[in-house]
Protein backbone atom coordinates (compact mmCIF):
# COMPACT_ATOMS: atom_id res chain seq x y z
CA UNK A 1 -66.95 -64.66 35.36
CA UNK A 2 -63.65 -66.62 35.44
CA UNK A 3 -64.29 -68.04 32.01
CA UNK A 4 -64.88 -64.40 30.70
CA UNK A 5 -61.53 -63.36 32.28
CA UNK A 6 -59.71 -66.33 30.89
CA UNK A 7 -60.81 -65.38 27.40
CA UNK A 8 -60.03 -61.80 28.11
CA UNK A 9 -56.43 -62.78 28.80
CA UNK A 10 -56.42 -64.83 25.56
CA UNK A 11 -57.47 -61.70 23.73
CA UNK A 12 -54.63 -59.67 25.59
CA UNK A 13 -52.19 -62.33 24.29
CA UNK A 14 -53.61 -62.17 20.77
CA UNK A 15 -53.62 -58.35 20.61
CA UNK A 16 -50.22 -58.01 22.20
CA UNK A 17 -48.79 -60.54 19.73
CA UNK A 18 -49.97 -58.17 16.92
CA UNK A 19 -49.24 -54.75 18.53
CA UNK A 20 -45.88 -55.61 20.29
CA UNK A 21 -44.44 -58.30 17.98
CA UNK A 22 -45.89 -57.79 14.54
CA UNK A 23 -46.12 -53.97 14.62
CA UNK A 24 -43.44 -53.37 17.11
CA UNK A 25 -45.41 -50.65 19.07
CA UNK A 26 -43.46 -50.86 22.36
CA UNK A 27 -45.57 -48.59 24.56
CA UNK A 28 -48.91 -49.83 23.48
CA UNK A 29 -47.60 -53.43 23.71
CA UNK A 30 -46.17 -53.23 27.02
CA UNK A 31 -49.29 -51.31 28.21
CA UNK A 32 -51.33 -54.45 27.21
CA UNK A 33 -48.99 -56.73 29.11
CA UNK A 34 -49.28 -54.42 32.07
CA UNK A 35 -53.12 -54.70 31.86
CA UNK A 36 -52.85 -58.47 31.61
CA UNK A 37 -50.60 -58.76 34.70
CA UNK A 38 -52.93 -56.26 36.75
CA UNK A 39 -55.92 -58.46 36.12
CA UNK A 40 -54.19 -62.04 36.38
CA UNK A 41 -54.56 -62.30 40.17
CA UNK A 42 -58.33 -62.44 39.75
CA UNK A 43 -57.87 -65.97 38.16
CA UNK A 44 -56.99 -69.45 39.60
CA UNK A 45 -53.41 -70.10 40.59
CA UNK A 46 -52.78 -72.67 37.81
CA UNK A 47 -53.93 -70.17 35.16
CA UNK A 48 -51.91 -67.33 36.76
CA UNK A 49 -48.68 -69.16 36.76
CA UNK A 50 -48.94 -70.40 33.32
CA UNK A 51 -50.09 -67.12 31.85
CA UNK A 52 -47.18 -65.52 33.57
CA UNK A 53 -44.89 -67.49 31.51
CA UNK A 54 -46.67 -66.34 28.30
CA UNK A 55 -46.51 -62.79 29.32
CA UNK A 56 -42.67 -63.19 30.24
CA UNK A 57 -42.08 -64.71 26.74
CA UNK A 58 -44.03 -61.63 25.06
CA UNK A 59 -42.04 -59.17 27.09
CA UNK A 60 -38.64 -60.88 26.17
CA UNK A 61 -39.72 -60.94 22.54
CA UNK A 62 -40.66 -57.33 22.69
CA UNK A 63 -37.29 -56.42 23.77
CA UNK A 64 -35.52 -58.78 21.35
CA UNK A 65 -34.22 -57.39 18.12
CA UNK A 66 -35.88 -59.41 15.52
CA UNK A 67 -34.40 -59.59 11.93
CA UNK A 68 -32.58 -61.69 9.32
CA UNK A 69 -29.05 -60.31 9.80
CA UNK A 70 -26.47 -62.85 10.78
CA UNK A 71 -23.89 -60.35 11.78
CA UNK A 72 -22.83 -60.91 15.41
CA UNK A 73 -23.91 -57.65 16.92
CA UNK A 74 -27.42 -58.43 15.85
CA UNK A 75 -27.40 -62.21 15.85
CA UNK A 76 -26.15 -62.54 19.46
CA UNK A 77 -28.87 -60.45 21.29
CA UNK A 78 -31.49 -62.05 19.14
CA UNK A 79 -30.20 -65.41 19.86
CA UNK A 80 -30.19 -64.77 23.64
CA UNK A 81 -33.86 -63.55 23.49
CA UNK A 82 -35.07 -66.39 21.54
CA UNK A 83 -33.09 -68.90 23.69
CA UNK A 84 -34.77 -67.45 26.98
CA UNK A 85 -38.18 -67.79 25.83
CA UNK A 86 -37.58 -71.50 25.15
CA UNK A 87 -35.43 -72.29 28.10
CA UNK A 88 -37.12 -70.34 30.83
CA UNK A 89 -40.55 -71.78 30.43
CA UNK A 90 -39.02 -75.33 30.33
CA UNK A 91 -36.97 -74.94 33.40
CA UNK A 92 -39.82 -73.17 35.35
CA UNK A 93 -42.35 -75.84 34.58
CA UNK A 94 -39.96 -78.60 35.42
CA UNK A 95 -38.02 -77.14 38.44
CA UNK A 96 -40.61 -74.81 40.01
CA UNK A 97 -44.01 -75.96 38.80
CA UNK A 98 -42.99 -79.56 38.98
CA UNK A 99 -44.73 -80.80 35.85
CA UNK A 100 -44.11 -81.82 32.27
CA UNK A 101 -46.46 -79.34 30.56
CA UNK A 102 -43.76 -78.71 28.10
CA UNK A 103 -41.96 -81.69 26.67
CA UNK A 104 -40.31 -82.73 23.43
CA UNK A 105 -42.11 -85.87 22.37
CA UNK A 106 -40.86 -88.42 19.79
CA UNK A 107 -37.68 -86.45 19.05
CA UNK A 108 -36.04 -89.68 17.95
CA UNK A 109 -38.89 -90.99 15.80
CA UNK A 110 -38.61 -94.68 14.90
CA UNK A 111 -41.92 -95.22 13.12
CA UNK A 112 -42.34 -92.99 9.98
CA UNK A 113 -45.70 -93.51 8.21
CA UNK A 114 -46.03 -93.35 4.36
CA UNK A 115 -48.59 -90.54 4.68
CA UNK A 116 -46.05 -88.48 6.71
CA UNK A 117 -43.60 -88.69 3.67
CA UNK A 118 -46.40 -87.74 1.18
CA UNK A 119 -47.25 -84.74 3.14
CA UNK A 120 -43.60 -83.75 3.47
CA UNK A 121 -43.27 -83.88 -0.20
CA UNK A 122 -46.49 -81.96 -0.61
CA UNK A 123 -45.28 -79.12 1.77
CA UNK A 124 -41.95 -79.01 -0.06
CA UNK A 125 -43.78 -78.66 -3.46
CA UNK A 126 -46.20 -76.03 -2.18
CA UNK A 127 -43.19 -74.08 -0.94
CA UNK A 128 -41.48 -74.40 -4.21
CA UNK A 129 -44.44 -72.92 -5.87
CA UNK A 130 -45.48 -70.38 -3.35
CA UNK A 131 -42.21 -68.90 -1.81
CA UNK A 132 -41.08 -67.06 -5.03
CA UNK A 133 -44.39 -65.43 -5.51
CA UNK A 134 -44.68 -64.44 -1.79
CA UNK A 135 -41.06 -62.98 -1.42
CA UNK A 136 -41.22 -61.23 -4.85
CA UNK A 137 -44.62 -59.64 -4.68
CA UNK A 138 -43.37 -56.81 -2.21
CA UNK A 139 -39.59 -57.46 -2.44
CA UNK A 140 -39.70 -59.07 1.05
CA UNK A 141 -36.64 -61.18 -0.15
CA UNK A 142 -34.43 -58.12 0.12
CA UNK A 143 -34.70 -58.43 3.99
CA UNK A 144 -32.23 -61.30 3.63
CA UNK A 145 -28.94 -59.63 2.58
CA UNK A 146 -27.28 -62.61 0.82
CA UNK A 147 -23.82 -62.63 -0.81
CA UNK A 148 -22.80 -64.88 -3.65
CA UNK A 149 -20.07 -66.86 -1.90
CA UNK A 150 -20.12 -70.14 -0.18
CA UNK A 151 -19.48 -68.84 3.39
CA UNK A 152 -22.11 -66.23 3.52
CA UNK A 153 -24.65 -68.58 1.87
CA UNK A 154 -23.87 -71.33 4.19
CA UNK A 155 -24.15 -69.03 7.23
CA UNK A 156 -27.48 -67.79 5.94
CA UNK A 157 -28.68 -71.35 5.50
CA UNK A 158 -27.82 -72.45 9.10
CA UNK A 159 -29.36 -69.16 10.42
CA UNK A 160 -32.55 -70.12 8.74
CA UNK A 161 -32.33 -73.56 10.29
CA UNK A 162 -31.83 -72.10 13.71
CA UNK A 163 -34.89 -69.94 13.60
CA UNK A 164 -36.88 -72.68 12.13
CA UNK A 165 -36.10 -75.12 14.97
CA UNK A 166 -36.74 -72.33 17.43
CA UNK A 167 -40.10 -71.69 15.79
CA UNK A 168 -41.29 -75.19 16.54
CA UNK A 169 -39.76 -75.34 20.14
CA UNK A 170 -41.46 -72.05 20.90
CA UNK A 171 -44.81 -71.57 19.19
CA UNK A 172 -45.91 -75.18 19.13
CA UNK A 173 -44.06 -76.97 21.89
CA UNK A 174 -44.13 -74.04 24.38
CA UNK A 175 -46.91 -71.67 23.68
CA UNK A 176 -49.44 -74.18 22.31
CA UNK A 177 -48.76 -76.50 25.15
CA UNK A 178 -49.57 -73.80 27.58
CA UNK A 179 -52.72 -72.48 25.87
CA UNK A 180 -53.99 -76.00 25.45
CA UNK A 181 -54.03 -76.41 29.14
CA UNK A 182 -56.67 -73.70 29.50
CA UNK A 183 -58.41 -73.62 26.23
CA UNK A 184 -59.82 -75.98 23.64
CA UNK A 185 -57.16 -77.07 21.14
CA UNK A 186 -58.55 -75.30 18.15
CA UNK A 187 -58.90 -72.04 20.02
CA UNK A 188 -55.44 -72.43 21.44
CA UNK A 189 -54.05 -73.26 17.90
CA UNK A 190 -55.73 -70.14 16.34
CA UNK A 191 -54.08 -68.08 19.03
CA UNK A 192 -50.57 -69.44 18.83
CA UNK A 193 -50.62 -68.98 15.05
CA UNK A 194 -51.21 -65.31 15.46
CA UNK A 195 -47.89 -64.92 17.44
CA UNK A 196 -46.21 -67.37 15.15
CA UNK A 197 -47.31 -65.16 12.16
CA UNK A 198 -46.69 -61.82 13.90
CA UNK A 199 -43.00 -62.91 14.65
CA UNK A 200 -42.28 -64.02 11.07
CA UNK A 201 -43.92 -60.77 9.70
CA UNK A 202 -41.50 -58.78 11.69
CA UNK A 203 -38.69 -61.16 10.66
CA UNK A 204 -39.27 -60.30 6.97
CA UNK A 205 -42.22 -61.90 5.51
CA UNK A 206 -44.17 -58.79 4.44
CA UNK A 207 -47.00 -58.03 2.05
CA UNK A 208 -49.52 -60.86 1.85
CA UNK A 209 -46.95 -63.36 3.14
CA UNK A 210 -48.90 -63.40 6.56
CA UNK A 211 -51.83 -65.26 5.09
CA UNK A 212 -49.75 -68.22 4.02
CA UNK A 213 -47.65 -68.03 7.07
CA UNK A 214 -50.89 -68.20 9.28
CA UNK A 215 -52.09 -71.24 7.41
CA UNK A 216 -48.65 -72.85 7.90
CA UNK A 217 -48.67 -72.17 11.63
CA UNK A 218 -52.13 -73.62 11.96
CA UNK A 219 -51.25 -76.68 10.01
CA UNK A 220 -48.03 -77.30 12.10
CA UNK A 221 -50.15 -77.22 15.41
CA UNK A 222 -52.61 -79.71 13.82
CA UNK A 223 -49.97 -82.08 12.49
CA UNK A 224 -48.45 -82.03 15.96
CA UNK A 225 -51.56 -82.77 17.52
CA UNK A 226 -52.11 -85.60 15.16
CA UNK A 227 -48.56 -87.13 15.08
CA UNK A 228 -47.34 -86.06 18.50
CA UNK A 229 -43.95 -86.06 16.94
CA UNK A 230 -41.62 -83.02 17.45
CA UNK A 231 -39.24 -84.75 14.85
CA UNK A 232 -41.75 -84.65 12.23
CA UNK A 233 -42.84 -81.07 12.50
CA UNK A 234 -39.11 -80.03 12.52
CA UNK A 235 -38.63 -82.14 9.47
CA UNK A 236 -41.54 -80.22 7.70
CA UNK A 237 -40.09 -76.90 8.73
CA UNK A 238 -36.57 -77.55 7.82
CA UNK A 239 -37.65 -78.95 4.52
CA UNK A 240 -39.45 -75.77 3.78
CA UNK A 241 -36.57 -73.73 5.06
CA UNK A 242 -34.25 -75.39 2.54
CA UNK A 243 -36.81 -74.49 -0.16
CA UNK A 244 -36.82 -70.97 1.24
CA UNK A 245 -33.04 -70.69 1.19
CA UNK A 246 -32.90 -71.76 -2.39
CA UNK A 247 -35.81 -69.29 -3.23
CA UNK A 248 -33.62 -66.55 -1.71
CA UNK A 249 -30.72 -67.48 -3.70
CA UNK A 250 -32.73 -67.61 -6.95
CA UNK A 251 -34.43 -64.08 -6.21
CA UNK A 252 -31.04 -62.53 -5.34
CA UNK A 253 -28.98 -64.22 -7.77
CA UNK A 254 -31.04 -66.04 -10.53
CA UNK A 255 -28.00 -67.46 -12.35
CA UNK A 256 -27.02 -69.49 -9.16
CA UNK A 257 -30.15 -71.44 -9.08
CA UNK A 258 -32.44 -70.90 -12.04
CA UNK A 259 -34.80 -73.89 -11.26
CA UNK A 260 -37.99 -71.99 -10.11
CA UNK A 261 -41.08 -71.83 -12.40
CA UNK A 262 -42.90 -69.06 -10.48
């Protein structure tokens, strides 16, 4: 019975990720969270307290304005929301639960394998080929309102990097870590990738982008499990974000960076 209830809560997490975060259906999404909270006391204390953190994160993200604007009236509340869902679980697990379930391993990596470099280059090349196709297919690139001047392009680039770093700290380091505590890795990774994809879908990656995003989210979880290096998954993500930024410049202003072939 308890195993069934655990997977029921995993299903609530997945469906809420789609309904509340991806599709922004607030009433239905918060209704699902209420259902999850109401049935949580039926499970062991360890599961309860960890899933309470997950439901807290989903609720905060459901209230957070998610978008690509770097204007302060939008960026500030979004930044606060994103900061809370990383900081609160970390503080609660360390100060209240007294464990290191969430940690930042190998943030100052000293050993860098050749295979890591090859994969990093592969990821950059795959992004170079895929990102223009993805963002042009349904005009998703227009969600990023760029201006052709140094200041605004720089701000946009650092905004991408902020979200990219947050993605890894939240989806892989926080959510995947909590889910792995209670479920087999592959199931936990499949589940975290749904939330990862749902967030980026709302952020601006429309059309068929969700397919590529989901695969990317899965591979980031797999790479982290294999390497146990936060620095490395950040390097992968920020490299792709650099390609993403150049892609957006290319799609908005082809004359500024006419070096893509797709």
